[in-house]
Amino acid sequence: MLTHLERFKNLVDTQWDIEIDSLALKDLNEKSATKPKLLPVTEDIIKLVKLVENKSEEAYKILTVTKDSNAYRILSETVLVGTILHNRKRVGDVQYLEWKSLREQFESNNTVLQTEIANSLTENERILTQNYRRIISIGKGSRPVTILIPKKMFKYYSLLCKLRNESWFASGNTYFFTYPKSEHWIDACSVIRKYAGLCNAKYPELLTSCRLRKHIATVTQLLNLQENEIGQLAKFMGHTGRTHESFYKFF
């Protein structure tokens, strides 16, 4: 018995990489290469966006009239999903936003452009600066991540900030996207899945944060962007240029 064990140990030490590891890796790579890369269809994304926009507006109108905790839950969920859809960010880049930091950024005068910067922009770029607010989140690897808030969502963010002073919220909860009486953040993956199932999408299972990011990367390739433009997009997406190219190049 001891001799058999010693022989087996020797085989593992000397032949495992050749006989087992390499073949397993080869099989894994081949299956990964031939597996279809399914991405969300544009029609489904539009349906999800419209549902989220409608739900946000309905909840907002209720909250401007009465303090309704259920409407607050819906507005928090839909603004979270809408922000991820608009920016195609990782869920963690958005769901962990802290409300005090967000409030300070909204209150600061960060939309005023310096004259020399404004003069260097094109007319279209100046229009864009008037229709977006920029906030900073801490993302993967503790890197600052830019999030753009479209003008039509300003009022939702402002109302959610204002209502955080109500007695609904646990004193120790520092997160912006949260539920009344909860001490935790809203799980963005769960709420994306929830609204994907409600929007009558043809393929709701494909409407995930990860696949939405791959979708925008695929569209980027079709646009045939220049190297510096790819670098700017990669930075906005929270990637290095090398990661953006090497990972998404095959989709």
Protein backbone atom coordinates (compact mmCIF):
# COMPACT_ATOMS: atom_id res chain seq x y z
CA MET A 1 0.00 0.00 0.00
CA LEU A 2 2.80 2.42 0.92
CA THR A 3 4.54 1.74 -2.39
CA HIS A 4 1.36 2.56 -4.32
CA LEU A 5 0.91 5.82 -2.41
CA GLU A 6 4.51 6.83 -3.05
CA ARG A 7 4.11 6.10 -6.77
CA PHE A 8 0.88 8.10 -6.88
CA LYS A 9 2.50 11.05 -5.09
CA ASN A 10 5.41 10.94 -7.52
CA LEU A 11 3.01 10.93 -10.49
CA VAL A 12 1.12 13.92 -9.09
CA ASP A 13 4.36 15.84 -8.49
CA THR A 14 5.88 15.12 -11.90
CA GLN A 15 3.05 14.51 -14.36
CA TRP A 16 -0.03 16.39 -13.09
CA ASP A 17 0.69 19.59 -15.00
CA ILE A 18 1.22 17.67 -18.23
CA GLU A 19 -1.45 14.97 -18.03
CA ILE A 20 -4.26 16.77 -16.19
CA ASP A 21 -3.86 20.55 -15.86
CA SER A 22 -2.94 21.27 -19.46
CA LEU A 23 -5.75 19.13 -20.88
CA ALA A 24 -8.31 20.61 -18.48
CA LEU A 25 -7.23 24.16 -19.38
CA LYS A 26 -7.31 23.32 -23.09
CA ASP A 27 -10.84 21.92 -22.77
CA LEU A 28 -11.99 24.96 -20.77
CA ASN A 29 -10.56 27.42 -23.30
CA GLU A 30 -12.11 25.58 -26.24
CA LYS A 31 -15.55 25.51 -24.61
CA SER A 32 -15.29 29.19 -23.70
CA ALA A 33 -14.24 30.17 -27.22
CA THR A 34 -17.13 28.36 -28.90
CA LYS A 35 -19.82 29.31 -26.37
CA PRO A 36 -22.22 31.93 -27.79
CA LYS A 37 -21.77 35.39 -26.26
CA LEU A 38 -25.36 36.50 -25.67
CA LEU A 39 -25.98 40.22 -25.16
CA PRO A 40 -29.14 42.25 -24.45
CA VAL A 41 -31.13 43.30 -27.49
CA THR A 42 -31.79 47.01 -27.96
CA GLU A 43 -35.56 46.52 -27.93
CA ASP A 44 -35.40 45.00 -24.44
CA ILE A 45 -33.12 47.76 -23.13
CA ILE A 46 -35.59 50.38 -24.38
CA LYS A 47 -38.46 48.59 -22.64
CA LEU A 48 -36.52 48.49 -19.37
CA VAL A 49 -35.57 52.16 -19.62
CA LYS A 50 -39.17 53.21 -20.28
CA LEU A 51 -40.51 51.15 -17.38
CA VAL A 52 -37.94 52.59 -14.98
CA GLU A 53 -38.66 56.14 -16.16
CA ASN A 54 -42.43 55.70 -15.74
CA LYS A 55 -42.10 54.11 -12.29
CA SER A 56 -39.74 56.89 -11.18
CA GLU A 57 -42.12 59.62 -12.27
CA GLU A 58 -45.12 57.95 -10.62
CA ALA A 59 -43.28 57.55 -7.31
CA TYR A 60 -41.94 61.10 -7.51
CA LYS A 61 -45.43 62.57 -7.95
CA ILE A 62 -46.69 60.63 -4.92
CA LEU A 63 -43.78 61.76 -2.74
CA THR A 64 -44.30 65.42 -3.62
CA VAL A 65 -47.82 65.17 -2.21
CA THR A 66 -47.44 62.78 0.72
CA LYS A 67 -44.75 60.95 2.66
CA ASP A 68 -45.21 57.42 1.37
CA SER A 69 -42.53 54.88 2.32
CA ASN A 70 -43.51 52.48 -0.48
CA ALA A 71 -43.16 55.25 -3.07
CA TYR A 72 -39.74 56.00 -1.60
CA ARG A 73 -38.73 52.36 -2.05
CA ILE A 74 -39.83 52.43 -5.69
CA LEU A 75 -38.11 55.73 -6.41
CA SER A 76 -34.87 54.51 -4.81
CA GLU A 77 -34.94 51.29 -6.82
CA THR A 78 -35.77 52.89 -10.15
CA VAL A 79 -33.24 55.71 -9.79
CA LEU A 80 -30.57 53.13 -8.95
CA VAL A 81 -31.46 51.02 -12.00
CA GLY A 82 -31.77 54.10 -14.21
CA THR A 83 -28.36 55.38 -13.19
CA ILE A 84 -26.71 52.02 -13.94
CA LEU A 85 -28.52 51.81 -17.29
CA HIS A 86 -27.45 55.30 -18.28
CA ASN A 87 -23.80 54.92 -17.24
CA ARG A 88 -23.34 51.16 -17.74
CA LYS A 89 -21.39 51.04 -14.50
CA ARG A 90 -20.62 48.12 -12.23
CA VAL A 91 -23.37 47.73 -9.67
CA GLY A 92 -20.90 48.41 -6.86
CA ASP A 93 -19.93 51.76 -8.36
CA VAL A 94 -23.49 52.99 -7.84
CA GLN A 95 -25.18 50.99 -5.08
CA TYR A 96 -22.56 51.93 -2.46
CA LEU A 97 -22.91 55.68 -2.93
CA GLU A 98 -23.07 57.45 0.44
CA TRP A 99 -25.80 60.02 0.80
CA LYS A 100 -23.78 62.66 2.67
CA SER A 101 -21.07 62.61 0.01
CA LEU A 102 -23.69 62.79 -2.71
CA ARG A 103 -25.49 65.67 -1.00
CA GLU A 104 -22.22 67.62 -0.68
CA GLN A 105 -21.43 67.07 -4.35
CA PHE A 106 -24.92 68.22 -5.37
CA GLU A 107 -24.69 71.29 -3.17
CA SER A 108 -21.26 72.26 -4.47
CA ASN A 109 -21.10 74.47 -7.52
CA ASN A 110 -19.49 71.83 -9.73
CA THR A 111 -21.47 72.72 -12.84
CA VAL A 112 -19.82 76.11 -13.34
CA LEU A 113 -17.21 75.90 -16.07
CA GLN A 114 -14.06 77.96 -16.02
CA THR A 115 -14.01 80.40 -18.91
CA GLU A 116 -10.94 78.94 -20.61
CA ILE A 117 -12.41 75.43 -20.43
CA ALA A 118 -15.81 76.56 -21.71
CA ASN A 119 -14.19 78.34 -24.65
CA SER A 120 -12.36 75.17 -25.66
CA LEU A 121 -15.57 73.14 -25.94
CA THR A 122 -17.68 72.69 -29.03
CA GLU A 123 -21.29 73.85 -29.03
CA ASN A 124 -22.52 70.29 -28.57
CA GLU A 125 -20.15 69.72 -25.66
CA ARG A 126 -21.35 72.91 -23.93
CA ILE A 127 -24.96 71.71 -24.31
CA LEU A 128 -24.01 68.39 -22.71
CA THR A 129 -22.48 70.13 -19.68
CA GLN A 130 -25.81 71.88 -19.13
CA ASN A 131 -27.76 68.63 -19.23
CA TYR A 132 -25.68 66.48 -16.90
CA ARG A 133 -24.37 66.59 -13.37
CA ARG A 134 -21.16 64.77 -12.60
CA ILE A 135 -20.65 62.94 -9.31
CA ILE A 136 -17.74 60.84 -8.11
CA SER A 137 -18.04 57.38 -6.59
CA ILE A 138 -15.31 55.13 -5.26
CA GLY A 139 -15.15 52.08 -7.45
CA LYS A 140 -13.15 48.90 -7.88
CA GLY A 141 -9.60 49.16 -6.57
CA SER A 142 -10.53 52.35 -4.67
CA ARG A 143 -10.41 54.29 -7.93
CA PRO A 144 -12.63 57.36 -8.35
CA VAL A 145 -15.43 56.62 -10.82
CA THR A 146 -17.36 59.30 -12.69
CA ILE A 147 -21.14 58.97 -12.79
CA LEU A 148 -23.24 61.21 -15.02
CA ILE A 149 -26.71 62.19 -13.85
CA PRO A 150 -28.99 63.27 -16.72
CA LYS A 151 -31.01 66.43 -16.18
CA LYS A 152 -34.35 64.61 -16.03
CA MET A 153 -33.10 62.67 -12.99
CA PHE A 154 -31.90 65.72 -11.00
CA LYS A 155 -35.26 66.12 -9.27
CA TYR A 156 -35.33 62.47 -8.20
CA TYR A 157 -31.91 62.69 -6.60
CA SER A 158 -32.78 65.98 -4.91
CA LEU A 159 -36.01 64.59 -3.46
CA LEU A 160 -34.32 61.41 -2.20
CA CYS A 161 -31.64 63.55 -0.49
CA LYS A 162 -34.27 65.80 1.06
CA LEU A 163 -36.31 62.90 2.45
CA ARG A 164 -33.28 61.35 4.14
CA ASN A 165 -33.94 63.73 7.03
CA GLU A 166 -37.20 61.91 7.78
CA SER A 167 -37.53 59.46 10.66
CA TRP A 168 -37.89 56.53 8.25
CA PHE A 169 -34.19 55.78 8.20
CA ALA A 170 -31.85 53.98 10.58
CA SER A 171 -29.37 56.45 12.04
CA GLY A 172 -26.38 54.27 11.15
CA ASN A 173 -27.32 53.86 7.49
CA THR A 174 -24.91 55.92 5.38
CA TYR A 175 -26.04 54.68 1.96
CA PHE A 176 -27.98 56.78 -0.51
CA PHE A 177 -29.79 53.91 -2.21
CA THR A 178 -31.58 52.23 0.67
CA TYR A 179 -34.99 51.31 2.04
CA PRO A 180 -36.76 52.97 4.97
CA LYS A 181 -35.81 51.32 8.30
CA SER A 182 -33.01 49.37 6.60
CA GLU A 183 -29.36 49.51 7.62
CA HIS A 184 -28.05 48.29 4.27
CA TRP A 185 -27.80 49.37 0.67
CA ILE A 186 -30.18 48.20 -2.07
CA ASP A 187 -28.86 45.18 -3.95
CA ALA A 188 -28.68 46.51 -7.51
CA CYS A 189 -28.47 43.06 -9.14
CA SER A 190 -31.75 42.06 -7.51
CA VAL A 191 -33.65 45.18 -8.53
CA ILE A 192 -32.34 45.06 -12.11
CA ARG A 193 -33.57 41.47 -12.28
CA LYS A 194 -36.89 42.55 -10.75
CA TYR A 195 -37.61 45.30 -13.29
CA ALA A 196 -36.25 43.24 -16.18
CA GLY A 197 -38.96 40.73 -15.35
CA LEU A 198 -41.64 43.44 -15.27
CA CYS A 199 -40.87 45.24 -18.53
CA ASN A 200 -42.10 42.52 -20.93
CA ALA A 201 -38.61 42.01 -22.29
CA LYS A 202 -38.15 39.16 -24.75
CA TYR A 203 -34.94 38.06 -23.03
CA PRO A 204 -35.08 39.43 -19.45
CA GLU A 205 -32.30 37.10 -18.30
CA LEU A 206 -29.85 39.02 -20.50
CA LEU A 207 -30.59 42.36 -18.84
CA THR A 208 -27.79 42.29 -16.26
CA SER A 209 -25.18 44.88 -15.34
CA CYS A 210 -22.33 42.78 -16.71
CA ARG A 211 -24.03 42.13 -20.05
CA LEU A 212 -25.07 45.77 -20.38
CA ARG A 213 -21.40 46.73 -20.04
CA LYS A 214 -20.48 44.20 -22.73
CA HIS A 215 -23.26 45.61 -24.91
CA ILE A 216 -21.78 49.11 -24.83
CA ALA A 217 -18.33 47.66 -25.55
CA THR A 218 -19.70 45.91 -28.63
CA VAL A 219 -21.30 49.13 -29.89
CA THR A 220 -17.98 50.89 -29.28
CA GLN A 221 -16.23 48.52 -31.69
CA LEU A 222 -18.82 49.24 -34.38
CA LEU A 223 -18.09 52.97 -34.03
CA ASN A 224 -14.41 52.34 -34.80
CA LEU A 225 -13.18 54.86 -32.22
CA GLN A 226 -9.69 56.31 -32.22
CA GLU A 227 -7.12 55.24 -29.63
CA ASN A 228 -7.54 58.34 -27.46
CA GLU A 229 -11.33 57.99 -27.60
CA ILE A 230 -11.11 54.36 -26.49
CA GLY A 231 -8.91 55.49 -23.62
CA GLN A 232 -11.46 58.08 -22.49
CA LEU A 233 -14.31 55.57 -22.66
CA ALA A 234 -12.26 52.95 -20.80
CA LYS A 235 -11.55 55.44 -18.03
CA PHE A 236 -15.23 56.31 -17.76
CA MET A 237 -16.13 52.60 -17.62
CA GLY A 238 -13.59 52.09 -14.84
CA HIS A 239 -11.06 50.13 -16.92
CA THR A 240 -7.51 50.61 -18.05
CA GLY A 241 -7.20 50.92 -21.82
CA ARG A 242 -5.47 47.52 -21.99
CA THR A 243 -8.25 45.81 -20.03
CA HIS A 244 -10.93 47.46 -22.16
CA GLU A 245 -9.31 46.31 -25.39
CA SER A 246 -8.20 42.82 -24.38
CA PHE A 247 -11.43 41.84 -22.63
CA TYR A 248 -14.05 43.39 -24.90
CA LYS A 249 -12.25 43.00 -28.20
CA PHE A 250 -13.74 39.58 -28.75
CA PHE A 251 -17.39 40.50 -28.21
